[in-house]
Amino acid sequence: MLLNAMAIWRRHMHSLIPLVLTVPVYWFLASVASYLALHQLFFNPSQLKKTEHGISNVFAGPVSNKQNEVEDMAKNIIN
């Protein structure tokens, strides 16, 4: 934490120094998330909490031909 404060001080970003105090909170929350993930991985691996990606109300448009080719190749490899 001291090194963070020194780096901010040397770059003359003095207004960011109070934010250095939040670093231990970040470390704590990251540790809690890691332990929860490990617990879930070992005791309930089929019910992992995952981030949903690609959910949007906006239509992205048609899939490109290249992407279709890649998906077809992947299907051929799997089958």
C-alpha atoms as a PDB file:
ATOM      1  CA  MET A   1       0.000   0.000   0.000  1.00  0.00           C
ATOM      2  CA  LEU A   2       2.889   2.306   0.752  1.00  0.00           C
ATOM      3  CA  LEU A   3       4.363   1.651  -2.694  1.00  0.00           C
ATOM      4  CA  ASN A   4       1.021   2.568  -4.285  1.00  0.00           C
ATOM      5  CA  ALA A   5       0.956   5.849  -2.395  1.00  0.00           C
ATOM      6  CA  MET A   6       4.577   6.598  -3.306  1.00  0.00           C
ATOM      7  CA  ALA A   7       3.921   5.931  -7.001  1.00  0.00           C
ATOM      8  CA  ILE A   8       0.918   8.256  -6.976  1.00  0.00           C
ATOM      9  CA  TRP A   9       2.905  10.925  -5.134  1.00  0.00           C
ATOM     10  CA  ARG A  10       5.812  10.772  -7.619  1.00  0.00           C
ATOM     11  CA  ARG A  11       3.428  11.164 -10.567  1.00  0.00           C
ATOM     12  CA  HIS A  12       1.869  14.223  -8.891  1.00  0.00           C
ATOM     13  CA  MET A  13      -1.589  12.632  -8.793  1.00  0.00           C
ATOM     14  CA  HIS A  14      -2.181  13.664  -5.196  1.00  0.00           C
ATOM     15  CA  SER A  15      -5.961  13.496  -5.476  1.00  0.00           C
ATOM     16  CA  LEU A  16      -5.742   9.680  -5.871  1.00  0.00           C
ATOM     17  CA  ILE A  17      -3.947   9.062  -2.589  1.00  0.00           C
ATOM     18  CA  PRO A  18      -7.193   8.537  -0.571  1.00  0.00           C
ATOM     19  CA  LEU A  19      -8.121   5.760  -3.004  1.00  0.00           C
ATOM     20  CA  VAL A  20      -5.052   3.812  -1.899  1.00  0.00           C
ATOM     21  CA  LEU A  21      -6.947   3.086   1.305  1.00  0.00           C
ATOM     22  CA  THR A  22      -9.466   1.037  -0.687  1.00  0.00           C
ATOM     23  CA  VAL A  23      -6.838  -1.438  -1.921  1.00  0.00           C
ATOM     24  CA  PRO A  24      -7.167  -3.752   1.135  1.00  0.00           C
ATOM     25  CA  VAL A  25     -10.939  -3.841   0.578  1.00  0.00           C
ATOM     26  CA  TYR A  26     -10.313  -4.927  -3.015  1.00  0.00           C
ATOM     27  CA  TRP A  27      -7.894  -7.639  -1.845  1.00  0.00           C
ATOM     28  CA  PHE A  28     -10.433  -8.891   0.694  1.00  0.00           C
ATOM     29  CA  LEU A  29     -13.270  -9.039  -1.840  1.00  0.00           C
ATOM     30  CA  ALA A  30     -11.079 -10.788  -4.406  1.00  0.00           C
ATOM     31  CA  SER A  31     -10.073 -13.353  -1.768  1.00  0.00           C
ATOM     32  CA  VAL A  32     -13.691 -13.989  -0.789  1.00  0.00           C
ATOM     33  CA  ALA A  33     -14.647 -14.467  -4.450  1.00  0.00           C
ATOM     34  CA  SER A  34     -11.752 -16.889  -4.954  1.00  0.00           C
ATOM     35  CA  TYR A  35     -12.639 -18.981  -1.919  1.00  0.00           C
ATOM     36  CA  LEU A  36     -16.309 -19.099  -2.921  1.00  0.00           C
ATOM     37  CA  ALA A  37     -15.353 -20.203  -6.424  1.00  0.00           C
ATOM     38  CA  LEU A  38     -13.045 -22.931  -5.099  1.00  0.00           C
ATOM     39  CA  HIS A  39     -15.721 -24.151  -2.673  1.00  0.00           C
ATOM     40  CA  GLN A  40     -18.262 -24.294  -5.462  1.00  0.00           C
ATOM     41  CA  LEU A  41     -15.801 -26.013  -7.794  1.00  0.00           C
ATOM     42  CA  PHE A  42     -15.122 -28.813  -5.314  1.00  0.00           C
ATOM     43  CA  PHE A  43     -18.567 -29.283  -3.756  1.00  0.00           C
ATOM     44  CA  ASN A  44     -20.978 -28.398  -6.571  1.00  0.00           C
ATOM     45  CA  PRO A  45     -19.084 -28.321  -9.886  1.00  0.00           C
ATOM     46  CA  SER A  46     -22.116 -28.780 -12.113  1.00  0.00           C
ATOM     47  CA  GLN A  47     -23.773 -25.624 -10.787  1.00  0.00           C
ATOM     48  CA  LEU A  48     -20.987 -23.087 -11.288  1.00  0.00           C
ATOM     49  CA  LYS A  49     -22.079 -19.470 -11.303  1.00  0.00           C
ATOM     50  CA  LYS A  50     -21.094 -18.139 -14.687  1.00  0.00           C
ATOM     51  CA  THR A  51     -21.190 -14.712 -16.227  1.00  0.00           C
ATOM     52  CA  GLU A  52     -23.676 -14.484 -19.068  1.00  0.00           C
ATOM     53  CA  HIS A  53     -22.036 -13.140 -22.199  1.00  0.00           C
ATOM     54  CA  GLY A  54     -23.683 -12.081 -25.409  1.00  0.00           C
ATOM     55  CA  ILE A  55     -27.065 -11.199 -23.929  1.00  0.00           C
ATOM     56  CA  SER A  56     -28.225  -8.033 -25.649  1.00  0.00           C
ATOM     57  CA  ASN A  57     -31.431  -6.377 -26.733  1.00  0.00           C
ATOM     58  CA  VAL A  58     -29.691  -5.042 -29.831  1.00  0.00           C
ATOM     59  CA  PHE A  59     -29.467  -7.327 -32.845  1.00  0.00           C
ATOM     60  CA  ALA A  60     -25.827  -7.654 -33.865  1.00  0.00           C
ATOM     61  CA  GLY A  61     -26.622  -8.423 -37.468  1.00  0.00           C
ATOM     62  CA  PRO A  62     -26.073 -11.506 -39.565  1.00  0.00           C
ATOM     63  CA  VAL A  63     -23.249 -13.879 -38.775  1.00  0.00           C
ATOM     64  CA  SER A  64     -20.361 -13.542 -41.180  1.00  0.00           C
ATOM     65  CA  ASN A  65     -19.573 -16.308 -43.662  1.00  0.00           C
ATOM     66  CA  LYS A  66     -16.172 -16.837 -42.027  1.00  0.00           C
ATOM     67  CA  GLN A  67     -17.821 -17.547 -38.686  1.00  0.00           C
ATOM     68  CA  ASN A  68     -20.192 -20.031 -40.349  1.00  0.00           C
ATOM     69  CA  GLU A  69     -17.199 -21.778 -41.927  1.00  0.00           C
ATOM     70  CA  VAL A  70     -15.428 -22.047 -38.587  1.00  0.00           C
ATOM     71  CA  GLU A  71     -18.555 -23.424 -36.909  1.00  0.00           C
ATOM     72  CA  ASP A  72     -18.993 -25.980 -39.705  1.00  0.00           C
ATOM     73  CA  MET A  73     -15.361 -27.073 -39.379  1.00  0.00           C
ATOM     74  CA  ALA A  74     -15.787 -27.443 -35.620  1.00  0.00           C
ATOM     75  CA  LYS A  75     -18.920 -29.562 -36.108  1.00  0.00           C
ATOM     76  CA  ASN A  76     -17.076 -31.789 -38.592  1.00  0.00           C
ATOM     77  CA  ILE A  77     -14.219 -32.275 -36.156  1.00  0.00           C
ATOM     78  CA  ILE A  78     -16.572 -33.147 -33.302  1.00  0.00           C
ATOM     79  CA  ASN A  79     -18.648 -35.564 -35.388  1.00  0.00           C
END
